[in-house]
Amino acid sequence: MSWLWAILVGLVLGVLARAILPGKQDIPLWLTIIFGMVGSLLGNAVSHWMGVDDTDGIDWIRHLLQLAGAVLVVAVGAPLWVSIRRGRRTHT
């Protein structure tokens, strides 16, 4: 069940990150999910480092850091994906 939860959170965070970023991110849905999952892990690590990963009630700061991590990963990963895809097309 934890893998299913990670995929769902990755999907939500990845889609939100793509909506927040300006312009079109030309990446497939599966990569959006992976980027969202990586952003979630990054946000969890930062929240743990800050000491706000486990609070009473809803962990709003941790969730915002997860979203920020997803935005960062999508912002860096989408142009890399496009450049890799372009590079493969010109060399074949």
Protein backbone atom coordinates (compact mmCIF):
# COMPACT_ATOMS: atom_id res chain seq x y z
CA MET A 1 0.00 0.00 0.00
CA SER A 2 2.90 2.40 0.63
CA TRP A 3 3.95 2.24 -3.04
CA LEU A 4 0.44 3.10 -4.15
CA TRP A 5 0.39 6.02 -1.71
CA ALA A 6 3.79 7.23 -2.97
CA ILE A 7 2.57 7.09 -6.58
CA LEU A 8 -0.61 9.01 -5.75
CA VAL A 9 1.29 11.68 -3.81
CA GLY A 10 3.84 11.88 -6.64
CA LEU A 11 1.06 12.35 -9.17
CA VAL A 12 -0.63 15.10 -7.17
CA LEU A 13 2.61 16.94 -6.38
CA GLY A 14 3.93 16.57 -9.93
CA VAL A 15 0.72 17.90 -11.48
CA LEU A 16 0.60 20.79 -8.99
CA ALA A 17 4.25 21.60 -9.72
CA ARG A 18 3.57 21.65 -13.47
CA ALA A 19 0.58 23.95 -12.88
CA ILE A 20 2.64 26.34 -10.75
CA LEU A 21 5.52 26.62 -13.22
CA PRO A 22 5.00 29.03 -16.13
CA GLY A 23 5.00 27.67 -19.65
CA LYS A 24 4.58 24.13 -20.91
CA GLN A 25 6.59 21.28 -19.44
CA ASP A 26 6.90 18.74 -22.23
CA ILE A 27 7.26 15.64 -20.05
CA PRO A 28 5.13 12.49 -19.98
CA LEU A 29 2.79 11.63 -17.12
CA TRP A 30 5.01 8.84 -15.80
CA LEU A 31 7.91 11.28 -15.48
CA THR A 32 5.63 13.81 -13.77
CA ILE A 33 4.84 11.13 -11.16
CA ILE A 34 8.53 10.30 -10.66
CA PHE A 35 9.45 13.98 -10.36
CA GLY A 36 6.65 14.44 -7.82
CA MET A 37 7.88 11.46 -5.81
CA VAL A 38 11.47 12.76 -5.83
CA GLY A 39 10.23 16.23 -4.82
CA SER A 40 8.27 14.67 -1.98
CA LEU A 41 11.38 12.87 -0.72
CA LEU A 42 13.38 16.09 -1.01
CA GLY A 43 10.73 18.03 0.92
CA ASN A 44 10.61 15.32 3.60
CA ALA A 45 14.40 15.48 3.99
CA VAL A 46 14.37 19.26 4.35
CA SER A 47 11.47 19.16 6.82
CA HIS A 48 13.32 16.55 8.88
CA TRP A 49 16.47 18.68 8.81
CA MET A 50 14.43 21.69 9.97
CA GLY A 51 12.71 19.62 12.67
CA VAL A 52 9.16 20.19 11.39
CA ASP A 53 8.52 16.76 9.90
CA ASP A 54 6.25 15.52 12.69
CA THR A 55 3.96 17.98 14.42
CA ASP A 56 0.56 17.78 16.11
CA GLY A 57 -2.21 17.92 13.53
CA ILE A 58 -1.56 18.44 9.83
CA ASP A 59 2.07 18.96 8.86
CA TRP A 60 1.48 22.00 6.64
CA ILE A 61 5.13 23.06 6.54
CA ARG A 62 6.22 19.56 5.49
CA HIS A 63 3.59 19.49 2.75
CA LEU A 64 4.63 22.92 1.47
CA LEU A 65 8.26 21.80 1.43
CA GLN A 66 7.24 18.68 -0.51
CA LEU A 67 5.47 20.87 -3.06
CA ALA A 68 8.48 23.20 -3.26
CA GLY A 69 10.71 20.16 -3.82
CA ALA A 70 8.45 18.94 -6.61
CA VAL A 71 8.46 22.38 -8.25
CA LEU A 72 12.26 22.43 -8.08
CA VAL A 73 12.61 18.92 -9.52
CA VAL A 74 10.14 19.61 -12.35
CA ALA A 75 11.80 22.98 -13.11
CA VAL A 76 15.20 21.31 -13.43
CA GLY A 77 14.11 17.95 -14.82
CA ALA A 78 11.73 19.05 -17.60
CA PRO A 79 14.37 20.98 -19.62
CA LEU A 80 16.83 18.12 -19.11
CA TRP A 81 14.25 15.65 -20.42
CA VAL A 82 13.61 17.82 -23.49
CA SER A 83 17.33 18.21 -24.22
CA ILE A 84 17.92 14.47 -23.85
CA ARG A 85 14.99 13.68 -26.16
CA ARG A 86 16.23 16.23 -28.72
CA GLY A 87 19.76 14.80 -28.54
CA ARG A 88 18.51 11.29 -29.28
CA ARG A 89 16.53 12.44 -32.29
CA THR A 90 19.48 14.27 -33.90
CA HIS A 91 21.93 11.38 -33.44
CA THR A 92 19.76 8.60 -34.84
